[in-house]
Amino acid sequence: MTVAWTGDLGSGTSAYDAYSCDHLVCVANKTAIEGSSDPAFRGDASRHNPEDLLVASLSSCHML
């Protein structure tokens, strides 16, 4: 598994608002998951955030 930051808007992390929190979660031979931080932390609300993925993981394990 790899997590690749895709939020470089041209000047890296030179300032807090100079980049986005977008990233890709990649697992070999599976569809990549577009991630970001929670909107409260300047994230993209249309992407999954770490909290979403943690709850989904726990829910899946419990269901199975």
N, C-alpha and C. Protein backbone atom coordinates (compact mmCIF):
# COMPACT_ATOMS: atom_id res chain seq x y z
N MET A 1 0.84 -1.16 0.00
CA MET A 1 0.00 0.00 0.00
C MET A 1 0.89 1.23 0.00
N THR A 2 0.48 2.23 -0.77
CA THR A 2 1.17 3.51 -0.75
C THR A 2 0.14 4.63 -0.65
N VAL A 3 0.56 5.72 -0.07
CA VAL A 3 -0.24 6.94 -0.04
C VAL A 3 0.60 8.00 -0.73
N ALA A 4 0.07 8.56 -1.79
CA ALA A 4 0.81 9.55 -2.58
C ALA A 4 0.11 10.90 -2.50
N TRP A 5 0.84 11.89 -2.03
CA TRP A 5 0.31 13.25 -1.95
C TRP A 5 0.20 13.82 -3.35
N THR A 6 -0.96 14.37 -3.68
CA THR A 6 -1.19 14.96 -5.00
C THR A 6 -1.58 16.43 -4.90
N GLY A 7 -1.36 17.03 -3.75
CA GLY A 7 -1.84 18.38 -3.49
C GLY A 7 -0.85 19.50 -3.73
N ASP A 8 0.27 19.23 -4.40
CA ASP A 8 1.24 20.30 -4.69
C ASP A 8 0.65 21.22 -5.76
N LEU A 9 0.37 22.45 -5.39
CA LEU A 9 -0.23 23.41 -6.32
C LEU A 9 0.82 24.29 -6.98
N GLY A 10 2.08 23.92 -6.86
CA GLY A 10 3.14 24.64 -7.54
C GLY A 10 4.26 25.14 -6.64
N SER A 11 3.97 25.35 -5.36
CA SER A 11 5.03 25.85 -4.48
C SER A 11 5.23 24.95 -3.26
N GLY A 12 4.83 23.69 -3.40
CA GLY A 12 5.02 22.74 -2.31
C GLY A 12 4.31 23.17 -1.04
N THR A 13 4.98 23.02 0.08
CA THR A 13 4.38 23.37 1.37
C THR A 13 4.95 24.69 1.91
N SER A 14 5.18 25.62 1.01
CA SER A 14 5.79 26.90 1.39
C SER A 14 4.91 27.73 2.33
N ALA A 15 3.62 27.50 2.31
CA ALA A 15 2.68 28.19 3.20
C ALA A 15 1.49 27.28 3.46
N TYR A 16 0.80 27.48 4.55
CA TYR A 16 -0.31 26.60 4.93
C TYR A 16 -1.40 26.52 3.87
N ASP A 17 -1.63 27.63 3.17
CA ASP A 17 -2.69 27.66 2.16
C ASP A 17 -2.15 27.54 0.73
N ALA A 18 -0.90 27.14 0.57
CA ALA A 18 -0.28 27.04 -0.76
C ALA A 18 -0.40 25.63 -1.35
N TYR A 19 -1.07 24.72 -0.66
CA TYR A 19 -1.19 23.34 -1.14
C TYR A 19 -2.54 22.79 -0.70
N SER A 20 -2.96 21.70 -1.33
CA SER A 20 -4.18 21.02 -0.89
C SER A 20 -3.79 19.74 -0.16
N CYS A 21 -4.73 19.15 0.50
CA CYS A 21 -4.49 17.93 1.26
C CYS A 21 -4.86 16.68 0.46
N ASP A 22 -5.03 16.83 -0.84
CA ASP A 22 -5.41 15.70 -1.69
C ASP A 22 -4.32 14.65 -1.76
N HIS A 23 -4.75 13.40 -1.82
CA HIS A 23 -3.81 12.28 -1.92
C HIS A 23 -4.52 11.07 -2.51
N LEU A 24 -3.74 10.10 -2.91
CA LEU A 24 -4.28 8.83 -3.42
C LEU A 24 -3.81 7.70 -2.51
N VAL A 25 -4.74 6.82 -2.18
CA VAL A 25 -4.41 5.61 -1.44
C VAL A 25 -4.40 4.48 -2.47
N CYS A 26 -3.26 3.85 -2.65
CA CYS A 26 -3.11 2.85 -3.71
C CYS A 26 -2.70 1.49 -3.13
N VAL A 27 -3.39 0.47 -3.58
CA VAL A 27 -3.07 -0.91 -3.25
C VAL A 27 -2.92 -1.63 -4.58
N ALA A 28 -1.91 -2.45 -4.72
CA ALA A 28 -1.64 -3.13 -5.99
C ALA A 28 -2.88 -3.87 -6.50
N ASN A 29 -3.14 -3.69 -7.78
CA ASN A 29 -4.23 -4.38 -8.49
C ASN A 29 -5.62 -4.02 -7.99
N LYS A 30 -5.76 -2.84 -7.37
CA LYS A 30 -7.08 -2.37 -6.91
C LYS A 30 -7.25 -0.91 -7.31
N THR A 31 -8.49 -0.48 -7.35
CA THR A 31 -8.80 0.91 -7.70
C THR A 31 -8.27 1.85 -6.62
N ALA A 32 -7.62 2.92 -7.03
CA ALA A 32 -7.10 3.91 -6.08
C ALA A 32 -8.26 4.66 -5.41
N ILE A 33 -8.04 5.05 -4.18
CA ILE A 33 -9.03 5.82 -3.42
C ILE A 33 -8.54 7.25 -3.33
N GLU A 34 -9.38 8.19 -3.80
CA GLU A 34 -9.02 9.61 -3.71
C GLU A 34 -9.33 10.10 -2.30
N GLY A 35 -8.31 10.61 -1.64
CA GLY A 35 -8.47 11.06 -0.27
C GLY A 35 -8.12 12.53 -0.10
N SER A 36 -8.52 13.06 1.01
CA SER A 36 -8.20 14.43 1.41
C SER A 36 -8.38 14.50 2.92
N SER A 37 -8.17 15.66 3.48
CA SER A 37 -8.45 15.80 4.91
C SER A 37 -9.92 16.21 5.07
N ASP A 38 -10.38 16.23 6.31
CA ASP A 38 -11.73 16.70 6.60
C ASP A 38 -11.85 18.16 6.16
N PRO A 39 -13.04 18.59 5.69
CA PRO A 39 -13.21 19.98 5.28
C PRO A 39 -12.83 21.00 6.37
N ALA A 40 -12.94 20.62 7.63
CA ALA A 40 -12.55 21.53 8.71
C ALA A 40 -11.06 21.85 8.67
N PHE A 41 -10.29 20.99 7.98
CA PHE A 41 -8.84 21.18 7.86
C PHE A 41 -8.46 21.45 6.41
N ARG A 42 -9.29 22.20 5.70
CA ARG A 42 -9.09 22.62 4.30
C ARG A 42 -9.13 21.44 3.32
N GLY A 43 -9.83 20.37 3.67
CA GLY A 43 -9.93 19.22 2.79
C GLY A 43 -11.06 19.33 1.79
N ASP A 44 -11.03 18.46 0.80
CA ASP A 44 -12.04 18.37 -0.24
C ASP A 44 -13.16 17.45 0.24
N ALA A 45 -14.35 18.00 0.44
CA ALA A 45 -15.47 17.23 0.98
C ALA A 45 -15.93 16.12 0.05
N SER A 46 -15.56 16.17 -1.22
CA SER A 46 -15.99 15.13 -2.16
C SER A 46 -15.09 13.90 -2.11
N ARG A 47 -13.98 13.98 -1.37
CA ARG A 47 -13.06 12.85 -1.24
C ARG A 47 -13.19 12.23 0.15
N HIS A 48 -12.79 10.97 0.25
CA HIS A 48 -12.80 10.31 1.57
C HIS A 48 -11.69 10.90 2.44
N ASN A 49 -11.99 11.05 3.73
CA ASN A 49 -10.95 11.51 4.66
C ASN A 49 -10.54 10.34 5.56
N PRO A 50 -9.44 10.48 6.28
CA PRO A 50 -8.98 9.37 7.12
C PRO A 50 -10.04 8.89 8.12
N GLU A 51 -10.84 9.80 8.63
CA GLU A 51 -11.87 9.40 9.58
C GLU A 51 -12.91 8.51 8.91
N ASP A 52 -13.32 8.87 7.67
CA ASP A 52 -14.26 8.03 6.90
C ASP A 52 -13.70 6.62 6.74
N LEU A 53 -12.44 6.54 6.34
CA LEU A 53 -11.83 5.25 6.05
C LEU A 53 -11.64 4.41 7.31
N LEU A 54 -11.33 5.06 8.43
CA LEU A 54 -11.18 4.33 9.68
C LEU A 54 -12.51 3.72 10.11
N VAL A 55 -13.58 4.51 10.06
CA VAL A 55 -14.90 4.02 10.45
C VAL A 55 -15.35 2.91 9.50
N ALA A 56 -15.10 3.08 8.20
CA ALA A 56 -15.47 2.05 7.22
C ALA A 56 -14.71 0.76 7.50
N SER A 57 -13.44 0.86 7.82
CA SER A 57 -12.63 -0.31 8.12
C SER A 57 -13.16 -1.05 9.34
N LEU A 58 -13.41 -0.32 10.41
CA LEU A 58 -13.93 -0.95 11.63
C LEU A 58 -15.30 -1.55 11.40
N SER A 59 -16.16 -0.86 10.67
CA SER A 59 -17.50 -1.36 10.38
C SER A 59 -17.45 -2.63 9.54
N SER A 60 -16.57 -2.66 8.56
CA SER A 60 -16.43 -3.85 7.71
C SER A 60 -15.96 -5.04 8.53
N CYS A 61 -14.96 -4.83 9.37
CA CYS A 61 -14.44 -5.92 10.20
C CYS A 61 -15.53 -6.45 11.13
N HIS A 62 -16.28 -5.55 11.73
CA HIS A 62 -17.32 -5.96 12.65
C HIS A 62 -18.41 -6.72 11.91
N MET A 63 -18.80 -6.26 10.72
CA MET A 63 -19.84 -6.91 9.93
C MET A 63 -19.42 -8.33 9.54
N LEU A 64 -18.16 -8.47 9.14
CA LEU A 64 -17.69 -9.77 8.66
C LEU A 64 -17.47 -10.75 9.80
